[in-house]
């Protein structure tokens, strides 16, 4: 959609705009939109794919290396995300321990009932 807007603005600049100041403003806007699109691709789409790829290899026993996730533009957010991930992993470990304990307790109860 953004590409269509850039093309239409560019075409409008030369076909329908007569004033030179308006043409310059429109060309500056097209240039700003192109820069924004490139920036969004680099720091938005590509960064998300990189983080997704790194997180896909993570399991409960792997250490989270926040330095590999920190990108200069989003360093503060990535540190926050890494602490959230550490807390999430710890919560999952705790839940697994509870489930295992409950399963053992249930097995003991079933064995007790079978012996009656």
PDB file of N, CA and C in Angstrom:
ATOM      1  N   UNK A   1       0.827  -1.194   0.000  1.00  0.00           N
ATOM      2  CA  UNK A   1       0.000   0.000   0.000  1.00  0.00           C
ATOM      3  C   UNK A   1       0.869   1.254   0.000  1.00  0.00           C
ATOM      4  N   UNK A   2       1.955   1.225   0.790  1.00  0.00           N
ATOM      5  CA  UNK A   2       2.844   2.379   0.853  1.00  0.00           C
ATOM      6  C   UNK A   2       3.522   2.608  -0.486  1.00  0.00           C
ATOM      7  N   UNK A   3       3.852   1.529  -1.181  1.00  0.00           N
ATOM      8  CA  UNK A   3       4.509   1.662  -2.489  1.00  0.00           C
ATOM      9  C   UNK A   3       3.566   2.316  -3.488  1.00  0.00           C
ATOM     10  N   UNK A   4       2.301   1.940  -3.434  1.00  0.00           N
ATOM     11  CA  UNK A   4       1.304   2.553  -4.327  1.00  0.00           C
ATOM     12  C   UNK A   4       1.192   4.039  -4.043  1.00  0.00           C
ATOM     13  N   UNK A   5       1.181   4.417  -2.773  1.00  0.00           N
ATOM     14  CA  UNK A   5       1.096   5.834  -2.401  1.00  0.00           C
ATOM     15  C   UNK A   5       2.320   6.592  -2.901  1.00  0.00           C
ATOM     16  N   UNK A   6       3.513   5.972  -2.784  1.00  0.00           N
ATOM     17  CA  UNK A   6       4.727   6.637  -3.259  1.00  0.00           C
ATOM     18  C   UNK A   6       4.682   6.851  -4.772  1.00  0.00           C
ATOM     19  N   UNK A   7       4.254   5.831  -5.487  1.00  0.00           N
ATOM     20  CA  UNK A   7       4.186   5.932  -6.956  1.00  0.00           C
ATOM     21  C   UNK A   7       3.164   6.993  -7.375  1.00  0.00           C
ATOM     22  N   UNK A   8       2.000   6.975  -6.738  1.00  0.00           N
ATOM     23  CA  UNK A   8       0.965   7.964  -7.076  1.00  0.00           C
ATOM     24  C   UNK A   8       1.426   9.384  -6.767  1.00  0.00           C
ATOM     25  N   UNK A   9       2.097   9.571  -5.658  1.00  0.00           N
ATOM     26  CA  UNK A   9       2.603  10.899  -5.302  1.00  0.00           C
ATOM     27  C   UNK A   9       3.675  11.344  -6.294  1.00  0.00           C
ATOM     28  N   UNK A  10       4.531  10.423  -6.693  1.00  0.00           N
ATOM     29  CA  UNK A  10       5.577  10.734  -7.663  1.00  0.00           C
ATOM     30  C   UNK A  10       4.971  11.116  -9.009  1.00  0.00           C
ATOM     31  N   UNK A  11       3.991  10.343  -9.467  1.00  0.00           N
ATOM     32  CA  UNK A  11       3.317  10.634 -10.741  1.00  0.00           C
ATOM     33  C   UNK A  11       2.584  11.966 -10.653  1.00  0.00           C
ATOM     34  N   UNK A  12       1.908  12.189  -9.515  1.00  0.00           N
ATOM     35  CA  UNK A  12       1.182  13.439  -9.316  1.00  0.00           C
ATOM     36  C   UNK A  12       2.125  14.643  -9.384  1.00  0.00           C
ATOM     37  N   UNK A  13       3.339  14.456  -8.890  1.00  0.00           N
ATOM     38  CA  UNK A  13       4.307  15.549  -8.877  1.00  0.00           C
ATOM     39  C   UNK A  13       4.569  16.093 -10.282  1.00  0.00           C
ATOM     40  N   UNK A  14       4.678  15.214 -11.250  1.00  0.00           N
ATOM     41  CA  UNK A  14       5.046  15.645 -12.595  1.00  0.00           C
ATOM     42  C   UNK A  14       3.852  15.838 -13.533  1.00  0.00           C
ATOM     43  N   UNK A  15       2.742  15.162 -13.261  1.00  0.00           N
ATOM     44  CA  UNK A  15       1.600  15.282 -14.179  1.00  0.00           C
ATOM     45  C   UNK A  15       0.602  16.357 -13.784  1.00  0.00           C
ATOM     46  N   UNK A  16       0.364  16.524 -12.502  1.00  0.00           N
ATOM     47  CA  UNK A  16      -0.725  17.397 -12.081  1.00  0.00           C
ATOM     48  C   UNK A  16      -0.297  18.612 -11.262  1.00  0.00           C
ATOM     49  N   UNK A  17       0.959  18.724 -10.914  1.00  0.00           N
ATOM     50  CA  UNK A  17       1.414  19.831 -10.089  1.00  0.00           C
ATOM     51  C   UNK A  17       2.244  20.772 -10.943  1.00  0.00           C
ATOM     52  N   UNK A  18       1.837  22.047 -10.951  1.00  0.00           N
ATOM     53  CA  UNK A  18       2.535  23.032 -11.771  1.00  0.00           C
ATOM     54  C   UNK A  18       3.511  23.868 -10.955  1.00  0.00           C
ATOM     55  N   UNK A  19       3.209  24.116  -9.709  1.00  0.00           N
ATOM     56  CA  UNK A  19       4.046  24.965  -8.877  1.00  0.00           C
ATOM     57  C   UNK A  19       5.317  24.224  -8.475  1.00  0.00           C
ATOM     58  N   UNK A  20       6.459  24.889  -8.633  1.00  0.00           N
ATOM     59  CA  UNK A  20       7.752  24.252  -8.353  1.00  0.00           C
ATOM     60  C   UNK A  20       7.915  23.941  -6.866  1.00  0.00           C
ATOM     61  N   UNK A  21       7.412  24.816  -6.003  1.00  0.00           N
ATOM     62  CA  UNK A  21       7.516  24.575  -4.551  1.00  0.00           C
ATOM     63  C   UNK A  21       6.709  23.339  -4.173  1.00  0.00           C
ATOM     64  N   UNK A  22       5.528  23.188  -4.732  1.00  0.00           N
ATOM     65  CA  UNK A  22       4.695  22.001  -4.456  1.00  0.00           C
ATOM     66  C   UNK A  22       5.364  20.739  -4.976  1.00  0.00           C
ATOM     67  N   UNK A  23       6.008  20.844  -6.124  1.00  0.00           N
ATOM     68  CA  UNK A  23       6.727  19.681  -6.669  1.00  0.00           C
ATOM     69  C   UNK A  23       7.876  19.268  -5.746  1.00  0.00           C
ATOM     70  N   UNK A  24       8.619  20.244  -5.267  1.00  0.00           N
ATOM     71  CA  UNK A  24       9.736  19.948  -4.370  1.00  0.00           C
ATOM     72  C   UNK A  24       9.234  19.301  -3.087  1.00  0.00           C
ATOM     73  N   UNK A  25       8.154  19.831  -2.544  1.00  0.00           N
ATOM     74  CA  UNK A  25       7.583  19.265  -1.312  1.00  0.00           C
ATOM     75  C   UNK A  25       7.145  17.827  -1.547  1.00  0.00           C
ATOM     76  N   UNK A  26       6.496  17.572  -2.673  1.00  0.00           N
ATOM     77  CA  UNK A  26       6.044  16.213  -2.964  1.00  0.00           C
ATOM     78  C   UNK A  26       7.216  15.265  -3.169  1.00  0.00           C
ATOM     79  N   UNK A  27       8.271  15.712  -3.830  1.00  0.00           N
ATOM     80  CA  UNK A  27       9.443  14.862  -4.027  1.00  0.00           C
ATOM     81  C   UNK A  27      10.154  14.584  -2.702  1.00  0.00           C
ATOM     82  N   UNK A  28      10.185  15.577  -1.820  1.00  0.00           N
ATOM     83  CA  UNK A  28      10.762  15.365  -0.489  1.00  0.00           C
ATOM     84  C   UNK A  28       9.932  14.338   0.271  1.00  0.00           C
ATOM     85  N   UNK A  29       8.612  14.415   0.148  1.00  0.00           N
ATOM     86  CA  UNK A  29       7.745  13.426   0.806  1.00  0.00           C
ATOM     87  C   UNK A  29       7.966  12.026   0.245  1.00  0.00           C
ATOM     88  N   UNK A  30       8.119  11.913  -1.067  1.00  0.00           N
ATOM     89  CA  UNK A  30       8.392  10.604  -1.668  1.00  0.00           C
ATOM     90  C   UNK A  30       9.711  10.064  -1.135  1.00  0.00           C
ATOM     91  N   UNK A  31      10.733  10.902  -1.072  1.00  0.00           N
ATOM     92  CA  UNK A  31      12.028  10.489  -0.551  1.00  0.00           C
ATOM     93  C   UNK A  31      11.913  10.050   0.910  1.00  0.00           C
ATOM     94  N   UNK A  32      11.167  10.807   1.716  1.00  0.00           N
ATOM     95  CA  UNK A  32      10.976  10.443   3.131  1.00  0.00           C
ATOM     96  C   UNK A  32      10.234   9.116   3.256  1.00  0.00           C
ATOM     97  N   UNK A  33       9.253   8.873   2.405  1.00  0.00           N
ATOM     98  CA  UNK A  33       8.520   7.603   2.439  1.00  0.00           C
ATOM     99  C   UNK A  33       9.417   6.434   2.050  1.00  0.00           C
ATOM    100  N   UNK A  34      10.303   6.653   1.087  1.00  0.00           N
ATOM    101  CA  UNK A  34      11.233   5.592   0.689  1.00  0.00           C
ATOM    102  C   UNK A  34      12.175   5.277   1.846  1.00  0.00           C
ATOM    103  N   UNK A  35      12.723   6.326   2.483  1.00  0.00           N
ATOM    104  CA  UNK A  35      13.598   6.110   3.635  1.00  0.00           C
ATOM    105  C   UNK A  35      12.863   5.392   4.768  1.00  0.00           C
ATOM    106  N   UNK A  36      11.626   5.789   5.010  1.00  0.00           N
ATOM    107  CA  UNK A  36      10.834   5.147   6.059  1.00  0.00           C
ATOM    108  C   UNK A  36      10.609   3.670   5.737  1.00  0.00           C
ATOM    109  N   UNK A  37      10.325   3.370   4.487  1.00  0.00           N
ATOM    110  CA  UNK A  37      10.085   1.986   4.086  1.00  0.00           C
ATOM    111  C   UNK A  37      11.348   1.145   4.266  1.00  0.00           C
ATOM    112  N   UNK A  38      12.494   1.691   3.896  1.00  0.00           N
ATOM    113  CA  UNK A  38      13.762   0.970   4.069  1.00  0.00           C
ATOM    114  C   UNK A  38      14.053   0.757   5.551  1.00  0.00           C
ATOM    115  N   UNK A  39      13.835   1.794   6.359  1.00  0.00           N
ATOM    116  CA  UNK A  39      14.076   1.706   7.796  1.00  0.00           C
ATOM    117  C   UNK A  39      13.146   0.679   8.446  1.00  0.00           C
ATOM    118  N   UNK A  40      11.888   0.674   8.043  1.00  0.00           N
ATOM    119  CA  UNK A  40      10.917  -0.283   8.598  1.00  0.00           C
ATOM    120  C   UNK A  40      11.311  -1.710   8.239  1.00  0.00           C
ATOM    121  N   UNK A  41      11.809  -1.900   7.031  1.00  0.00           N
ATOM    122  CA  UNK A  41      12.255  -3.230   6.611  1.00  0.00           C
ATOM    123  C   UNK A  41      13.433  -3.693   7.460  1.00  0.00           C
ATOM    124  N   UNK A  42      14.406  -2.786   7.667  1.00  0.00           N
ATOM    125  CA  UNK A  42      15.616  -3.160   8.394  1.00  0.00           C
ATOM    126  C   UNK A  42      15.335  -3.368   9.881  1.00  0.00           C
ATOM    127  N   UNK A  43      14.693  -2.408  10.541  1.00  0.00           N
ATOM    128  CA  UNK A  43      14.525  -2.453  11.985  1.00  0.00           C
ATOM    129  C   UNK A  43      13.199  -3.059  12.413  1.00  0.00           C
ATOM    130  N   UNK A  44      12.318  -3.319  11.473  1.00  0.00           N
ATOM    131  CA  UNK A  44      11.034  -3.919  11.817  1.00  0.00           C
ATOM    132  C   UNK A  44      10.963  -5.370  11.382  1.00  0.00           C
ATOM    133  N   UNK A  45      10.853  -5.579  10.101  1.00  0.00           N
ATOM    134  CA  UNK A  45      10.654  -6.920   9.552  1.00  0.00           C
ATOM    135  C   UNK A  45      11.881  -7.798   9.775  1.00  0.00           C
ATOM    136  N   UNK A  46      13.056  -7.311   9.382  1.00  0.00           N
ATOM    137  CA  UNK A  46      14.265  -8.130   9.506  1.00  0.00           C
ATOM    138  C   UNK A  46      14.619  -8.388  10.964  1.00  0.00           C
ATOM    139  N   UNK A  47      14.455  -7.380  11.826  1.00  0.00           N
ATOM    140  CA  UNK A  47      14.756  -7.554  13.244  1.00  0.00           C
ATOM    141  C   UNK A  47      13.821  -8.585  13.868  1.00  0.00           C
ATOM    142  N   UNK A  48      12.553  -8.520  13.524  1.00  0.00           N
ATOM    143  CA  UNK A  48      11.587  -9.486  14.052  1.00  0.00           C
ATOM    144  C   UNK A  48      11.931 -10.899  13.602  1.00  0.00           C
ATOM    145  N   UNK A  49      12.313 -11.063  12.354  1.00  0.00           N
ATOM    146  CA  UNK A  49      12.691 -12.389  11.859  1.00  0.00           C
ATOM    147  C   UNK A  49      13.937 -12.908  12.566  1.00  0.00           C
ATOM    148  N   UNK A  50      14.905 -12.020  12.811  1.00  0.00           N
ATOM    149  CA  UNK A  50      16.129 -12.422  13.511  1.00  0.00           C
ATOM    150  C   UNK A  50      15.819 -12.874  14.929  1.00  0.00           C
ATOM    151  N   UNK A  51      15.003 -12.111  15.634  1.00  0.00           N
ATOM    152  CA  UNK A  51      14.640 -12.464  17.009  1.00  0.00           C
ATOM    153  C   UNK A  51      13.848 -13.765  17.032  1.00  0.00           C
ATOM    154  N   UNK A  52      12.915 -13.903  16.104  1.00  0.00           N
ATOM    155  CA  UNK A  52      12.113 -15.130  16.025  1.00  0.00           C
ATOM    156  C   UNK A  52      12.999 -16.346  15.786  1.00  0.00           C
ATOM    157  N   UNK A  53      13.986 -16.198  14.911  1.00  0.00           N
ATOM    158  CA  UNK A  53      14.900 -17.303  14.616  1.00  0.00           C
ATOM    159  C   UNK A  53      15.711 -17.682  15.847  1.00  0.00           C
ATOM    160  N   UNK A  54      16.243 -16.674  16.565  1.00  0.00           N
ATOM    161  CA  UNK A  54      17.037 -16.948  17.760  1.00  0.00           C
ATOM    162  C   UNK A  54      16.186 -17.591  18.848  1.00  0.00           C
ATOM    163  N   UNK A  55      14.957 -17.137  19.014  1.00  0.00           N
ATOM    164  CA  UNK A  55      14.095 -17.684  20.053  1.00  0.00           C
ATOM    165  C   UNK A  55      13.594 -19.082  19.705  1.00  0.00           C
ATOM    166  N   UNK A  56      13.540 -19.423  18.429  1.00  0.00           N
ATOM    167  CA  UNK A  56      13.064 -20.754  18.048  1.00  0.00           C
ATOM    168  C   UNK A  56      14.034 -21.849  18.486  1.00  0.00           C
ATOM    169  N   UNK A  57      15.306 -21.507  18.668  1.00  0.00           N
ATOM    170  CA  UNK A  57      16.302 -22.487  19.106  1.00  0.00           C
ATOM    171  C   UNK A  57      16.412 -22.565  20.625  1.00  0.00           C
ATOM    172  N   UNK A  58      15.696 -21.707  21.339  1.00  0.00           N
ATOM    173  CA  UNK A  58      15.811 -21.660  22.790  1.00  0.00           C
ATOM    174  C   UNK A  58      14.912 -22.727  23.419  1.00  0.00           C
ATOM    175  N   UNK A  59      15.428 -23.377  24.461  1.00  0.00           N
ATOM    176  CA  UNK A  59      14.605 -24.282  25.252  1.00  0.00           C
ATOM    177  C   UNK A  59      14.764 -23.907  26.722  1.00  0.00           C
ATOM    178  N   UNK A  60      14.137 -24.665  27.600  1.00  0.00           N
ATOM    179  CA  UNK A  60      14.166 -24.304  29.013  1.00  0.00           C
ATOM    180  C   UNK A  60      15.549 -24.396  29.630  1.00  0.00           C
ATOM    181  N   UNK A  61      16.422 -25.206  29.083  1.00  0.00           N
ATOM    182  CA  UNK A  61      17.760 -25.363  29.642  1.00  0.00           C
ATOM    183  C   UNK A  61      18.799 -24.442  29.020  1.00  0.00           C
ATOM    184  N   UNK A  62      18.458 -23.810  27.906  1.00  0.00           N
ATOM    185  CA  UNK A  62      19.444 -22.942  27.264  1.00  0.00           C
ATOM    186  C   UNK A  62      19.521 -21.603  27.979  1.00  0.00           C
ATOM    187  N   UNK A  63      20.732 -21.054  27.992  1.00  0.00           N
ATOM    188  CA  UNK A  63      20.923 -19.751  28.601  1.00  0.00           C
ATOM    189  C   UNK A  63      20.541 -18.683  27.596  1.00  0.00           C
ATOM    190  N   UNK A  64      19.927 -17.636  28.099  1.00  0.00           N
ATOM    191  CA  UNK A  64      19.539 -16.535  27.239  1.00  0.00           C
ATOM    192  C   UNK A  64      20.697 -15.555  27.170  1.00  0.00           C
ATOM    193  N   UNK A  65      21.250 -15.417  25.991  1.00  0.00           N
ATOM    194  CA  UNK A  65      22.346 -14.486  25.787  1.00  0.00           C
ATOM    195  C   UNK A  65      21.765 -13.183  25.262  1.00  0.00           C
ATOM    196  N   UNK A  66      21.498 -12.257  26.156  1.00  0.00           N
ATOM    197  CA  UNK A  66      20.836 -11.023  25.756  1.00  0.00           C
ATOM    198  C   UNK A  66      21.704 -10.185  24.830  1.00  0.00           C
ATOM    199  N   UNK A  67      23.022 -10.379  24.883  1.00  0.00           N
ATOM    200  CA  UNK A  67      23.896  -9.605  24.003  1.00  0.00           C
ATOM    201  C   UNK A  67      23.653  -9.942  22.537  1.00  0.00           C
ATOM    202  N   UNK A  68      23.243 -11.176  22.253  1.00  0.00           N
ATOM    203  CA  UNK A  68      22.985 -11.534  20.865  1.00  0.00           C
ATOM    204  C   UNK A  68      21.662 -10.943  20.390  1.00  0.00           C
ATOM    205  N   UNK A  69      20.801 -10.559  21.322  1.00  0.00           N
ATOM    206  CA  UNK A  69      19.508 -10.006  20.935  1.00  0.00           C
ATOM    207  C   UNK A  69      19.500  -8.485  20.920  1.00  0.00           C
ATOM    208  N   UNK A  70      20.476  -7.844  21.547  1.00  0.00           N
ATOM    209  CA  UNK A  70      20.455  -6.393  21.648  1.00  0.00           C
ATOM    210  C   UNK A  70      20.873  -5.770  20.325  1.00  0.00           C
ATOM    211  N   UNK A  71      19.996  -4.933  19.826  1.00  0.00           N
ATOM    212  CA  UNK A  71      20.250  -4.183  18.613  1.00  0.00           C
ATOM    213  C   UNK A  71      20.297  -2.713  19.038  1.00  0.00           C
ATOM    214  N   UNK A  72      21.243  -1.906  18.539  1.00  0.00           N
ATOM    215  CA  UNK A  72      21.387  -0.535  19.028  1.00  0.00           C
ATOM    216  C   UNK A  72      20.095   0.269  19.072  1.00  0.00           C
ATOM    217  N   UNK A  73      19.252   0.123  18.064  1.00  0.00           N
ATOM    218  CA  UNK A  73      18.030   0.908  18.012  1.00  0.00           C
ATOM    219  C   UNK A  73      17.019   0.480  19.069  1.00  0.00           C
ATOM    220  N   UNK A  74      17.047  -0.783  19.470  1.00  0.00           N
ATOM    221  CA  UNK A  74      16.052  -1.272  20.410  1.00  0.00           C
ATOM    222  C   UNK A  74      16.666  -1.911  21.628  1.00  0.00           C
ATOM    223  N   UNK A  75      17.839  -1.453  22.037  1.00  0.00           N
ATOM    224  CA  UNK A  75      18.569  -2.109  23.123  1.00  0.00           C
ATOM    225  C   UNK A  75      17.770  -2.136  24.414  1.00  0.00           C
ATOM    226  N   UNK A  76      17.163  -1.027  24.777  1.00  0.00           N
ATOM    227  CA  UNK A  76      16.433  -0.979  26.049  1.00  0.00           C
ATOM    228  C   UNK A  76      15.260  -1.946  26.034  1.00  0.00           C
ATOM    229  N   UNK A  77      14.561  -2.026  24.931  1.00  0.00           N
ATOM    230  CA  UNK A  77      13.437  -2.948  24.827  1.00  0.00           C
ATOM    231  C   UNK A  77      13.918  -4.395  24.882  1.00  0.00           C
ATOM    232  N   UNK A  78      15.046  -4.676  24.232  1.00  0.00           N
ATOM    233  CA  UNK A  78      15.524  -6.056  24.183  1.00  0.00           C
ATOM    234  C   UNK A  78      15.964  -6.536  25.562  1.00  0.00           C
ATOM    235  N   UNK A  79      16.550  -5.651  26.360  1.00  0.00           N
ATOM    236  CA  UNK A  79      16.926  -6.044  27.717  1.00  0.00           C
ATOM    237  C   UNK A  79      15.670  -6.370  28.508  1.00  0.00           C
ATOM    238  N   UNK A  80      14.622  -5.565  28.339  1.00  0.00           N
ATOM    239  CA  UNK A  80      13.358  -5.838  29.012  1.00  0.00           C
ATOM    240  C   UNK A  80      12.783  -7.162  28.533  1.00  0.00           C
ATOM    241  N   UNK A  81      12.831  -7.406  27.225  1.00  0.00           N
ATOM    242  CA  UNK A  81      12.317  -8.657  26.691  1.00  0.00           C
ATOM    243  C   UNK A  81      13.108  -9.839  27.229  1.00  0.00           C
ATOM    244  N   UNK A  82      14.428  -9.688  27.341  1.00  0.00           N
ATOM    245  CA  UNK A  82      15.226 -10.808  27.828  1.00  0.00           C
ATOM    246  C   UNK A  82      14.896 -11.115  29.280  1.00  0.00           C
ATOM    247  N   UNK A  83      14.654 -10.101  30.104  1.00  0.00           N
ATOM    248  CA  UNK A  83      14.274 -10.373  31.494  1.00  0.00           C
ATOM    249  C   UNK A  83      12.886 -11.000  31.556  1.00  0.00           C
ATOM    250  N   UNK A  84      11.998 -10.592  30.674  1.00  0.00           N
ATOM    251  CA  UNK A  84      10.676 -11.226  30.622  1.00  0.00           C
ATOM    252  C   UNK A  84      10.794 -12.686  30.202  1.00  0.00           C
ATOM    253  N   UNK A  85      11.677 -12.965  29.252  1.00  0.00           N
ATOM    254  CA  UNK A  85      11.868 -14.350  28.814  1.00  0.00           C
ATOM    255  C   UNK A  85      12.456 -15.210  29.928  1.00  0.00           C
ATOM    256  N   UNK A  86      13.402 -14.648  30.673  1.00  0.00           N
ATOM    257  CA  UNK A  86      13.979 -15.395  31.796  1.00  0.00           C
ATOM    258  C   UNK A  86      12.895 -15.711  32.819  1.00  0.00           C
ATOM    259  N   UNK A  87      12.062 -14.730  33.150  1.00  0.00           N
ATOM    260  CA  UNK A  87      10.957 -14.974  34.086  1.00  0.00           C
ATOM    261  C   UNK A  87       9.983 -16.007  33.545  1.00  0.00           C
ATOM    262  N   UNK A  88       9.682 -15.924  32.254  1.00  0.00           N
ATOM    263  CA  UNK A  88       8.770 -16.877  31.640  1.00  0.00           C
ATOM    264  C   UNK A  88       9.338 -18.291  31.709  1.00  0.00           C
ATOM    265  N   UNK A  89      10.623 -18.439  31.382  1.00  0.00           N
ATOM    266  CA  UNK A  89      11.256 -19.759  31.447  1.00  0.00           C
ATOM    267  C   UNK A  89      11.235 -20.293  32.878  1.00  0.00           C
ATOM    268  N   UNK A  90      11.495 -19.440  33.861  1.00  0.00           N
ATOM    269  CA  UNK A  90      11.463 -19.875  35.259  1.00  0.00           C
ATOM    270  C   UNK A  90      10.056 -20.301  35.671  1.00  0.00           C
ATOM    271  N   UNK A  91       9.049 -19.574  35.214  1.00  0.00           N
ATOM    272  CA  UNK A  91       7.660 -19.950  35.523  1.00  0.00           C
ATOM    273  C   UNK A  91       7.300 -21.298  34.896  1.00  0.00           C
ATOM    274  N   UNK A  92       7.752 -21.524  33.671  1.00  0.00           N
ATOM    275  CA  UNK A  92       7.484 -22.808  33.004  1.00  0.00           C
ATOM    276  C   UNK A  92       8.175 -23.941  33.758  1.00  0.00           C
ATOM    277  N   UNK A  93       9.436 -23.738  34.167  1.00  0.00           N
ATOM    278  CA  UNK A  93      10.139 -24.761  34.955  1.00  0.00           C
ATOM    279  C   UNK A  93       9.368 -25.082  36.231  1.00  0.00           C
ATOM    280  N   UNK A  94       8.889 -24.048  36.914  1.00  0.00           N
ATOM    281  CA  UNK A  94       8.147 -24.240  38.160  1.00  0.00           C
ATOM    282  C   UNK A  94       6.859 -25.039  37.897  1.00  0.00           C
ATOM    283  N   UNK A  95       6.153 -24.702  36.818  1.00  0.00           N
ATOM    284  CA  UNK A  95       4.918 -25.416  36.484  1.00  0.00           C
ATOM    285  C   UNK A  95       5.204 -26.885  36.145  1.00  0.00           C
ATOM    286  N   UNK A  96       6.299 -27.144  35.456  1.00  0.00           N
ATOM    287  CA  UNK A  96       6.657 -28.525  35.129  1.00  0.00           C
ATOM    288  C   UNK A  96       6.934 -29.315  36.405  1.00  0.00           C
ATOM    289  N   UNK A  97       7.648 -28.700  37.349  1.00  0.00           N
ATOM    290  CA  UNK A  97       7.908 -29.377  38.616  1.00  0.00           C
ATOM    291  C   UNK A  97       6.611 -29.677  39.358  1.00  0.00           C
ATOM    292  N   UNK A  98       5.673 -28.732  39.340  1.00  0.00           N
ATOM    293  CA  UNK A  98       4.374 -28.968  39.990  1.00  0.00           C
ATOM    294  C   UNK A  98       3.609 -30.095  39.317  1.00  0.00           C
ATOM    295  N   UNK A  99       3.622 -30.116  38.005  1.00  0.00           N
ATOM    296  CA  UNK A  99       2.902 -31.169  37.269  1.00  0.00           C
ATOM    297  C   UNK A  99       3.508 -32.531  37.567  1.00  0.00           C
ATOM    298  N   UNK A 100       4.834 -32.611  37.581  1.00  0.00           N
ATOM    299  CA  UNK A 100       5.502 -33.884  37.879  1.00  0.00           C
ATOM    300  C   UNK A 100       5.154 -34.333  39.298  1.00  0.00           C
ATOM    301  N   UNK A 101       5.175 -33.396  40.255  1.00  0.00           N
ATOM    302  CA  UNK A 101       4.841 -33.741  41.646  1.00  0.00           C
ATOM    303  C   UNK A 101       3.400 -34.209  41.756  1.00  0.00           C
ATOM    304  N   UNK A 102       2.491 -33.534  41.062  1.00  0.00           N
ATOM    305  CA  UNK A 102       1.078 -33.951  41.091  1.00  0.00           C
ATOM    306  C   UNK A 102       0.896 -35.314  40.430  1.00  0.00           C
ATOM    307  N   UNK A 103       1.625 -35.568  39.360  1.00  0.00           N
ATOM    308  CA  UNK A 103       1.526 -36.872  38.687  1.00  0.00           C
ATOM    309  C   UNK A 103       2.019 -37.981  39.598  1.00  0.00           C
ATOM    310  N   UNK A 104       3.119 -37.740  40.301  1.00  0.00           N
ATOM    311  CA  UNK A 104       3.618 -38.747  41.245  1.00  0.00           C
ATOM    312  C   UNK A 104       2.625 -38.965  42.365  1.00  0.00           C
ATOM    313  N   UNK A 105       2.036 -37.906  42.877  1.00  0.00           N
ATOM    314  CA  UNK A 105       1.048 -38.005  43.948  1.00  0.00           C
ATOM    315  C   UNK A 105      -0.189 -38.769  43.463  1.00  0.00           C
ATOM    316  N   UNK A 106      -0.599 -38.495  42.235  1.00  0.00           N
ATOM    317  CA  UNK A 106      -1.759 -39.201  41.675  1.00  0.00           C
ATOM    318  C   UNK A 106      -1.461 -40.683  41.508  1.00  0.00           C
ATOM    319  N   UNK A 107      -0.250 -40.991  41.060  1.00  0.00           N
ATOM    320  CA  UNK A 107       0.129 -42.391  40.887  1.00  0.00           C
ATOM    321  C   UNK A 107       0.127 -43.108  42.234  1.00  0.00           C
ATOM    322  N   UNK A 108       0.629 -42.430  43.262  1.00  0.00           N
ATOM    323  CA  UNK A 108       0.607 -43.011  44.607  1.00  0.00           C
ATOM    324  C   UNK A 108      -0.828 -43.241  45.061  1.00  0.00           C
ATOM    325  N   UNK A 109      -1.704 -42.292  44.811  1.00  0.00           N
ATOM    326  CA  UNK A 109      -3.110 -42.438  45.189  1.00  0.00           C
ATOM    327  C   UNK A 109      -3.788 -43.572  44.434  1.00  0.00           C
ATOM    328  N   UNK A 110      -3.492 -43.695  43.146  1.00  0.00           N
ATOM    329  CA  UNK A 110      -4.077 -44.773  42.335  1.00  0.00           C
ATOM    330  C   UNK A 110      -3.587 -46.136  42.850  1.00  0.00           C
ATOM    331  N   UNK A 111      -2.284 -46.238  43.123  1.00  0.00           N
ATOM    332  CA  UNK A 111      -1.746 -47.488  43.661  1.00  0.00           C
ATOM    333  C   UNK A 111      -2.396 -47.819  45.012  1.00  0.00           C
ATOM    334  N   UNK A 112      -2.625 -46.806  45.834  1.00  0.00           N
ATOM    335  CA  UNK A 112      -3.290 -47.023  47.121  1.00  0.00           C
ATOM    336  C   UNK A 112      -4.711 -47.499  46.943  1.00  0.00           C
ATOM    337  N   UNK A 113      -5.425 -46.933  45.985  1.00  0.00           N
ATOM    338  CA  UNK A 113      -6.806 -47.345  45.729  1.00  0.00           C
ATOM    339  C   UNK A 113      -6.861 -48.750  45.134  1.00  0.00           C
ATOM    340  N   UNK A 114      -5.908 -49.093  44.281  1.00  0.00           N
ATOM    341  CA  UNK A 114      -5.886 -50.429  43.686  1.00  0.00           C
ATOM    342  C   UNK A 114      -5.603 -51.507  44.746  1.00  0.00           C
ATOM    343  N   UNK A 115      -4.846 -51.137  45.748  1.00  0.00           N
ATOM    344  CA  UNK A 115      -4.523 -52.133  46.771  1.00  0.00           C
ATOM    345  C   UNK A 115      -5.698 -52.404  47.716  1.00  0.00           C
ATOM    346  N   UNK A 116      -6.703 -51.561  47.676  1.00  0.00           N
ATOM    347  CA  UNK A 116      -7.868 -51.771  48.553  1.00  0.00           C
ATOM    348  C   UNK A 116      -8.717 -52.832  47.998  1.00  0.00           C
TER     349      UNK A 116
END
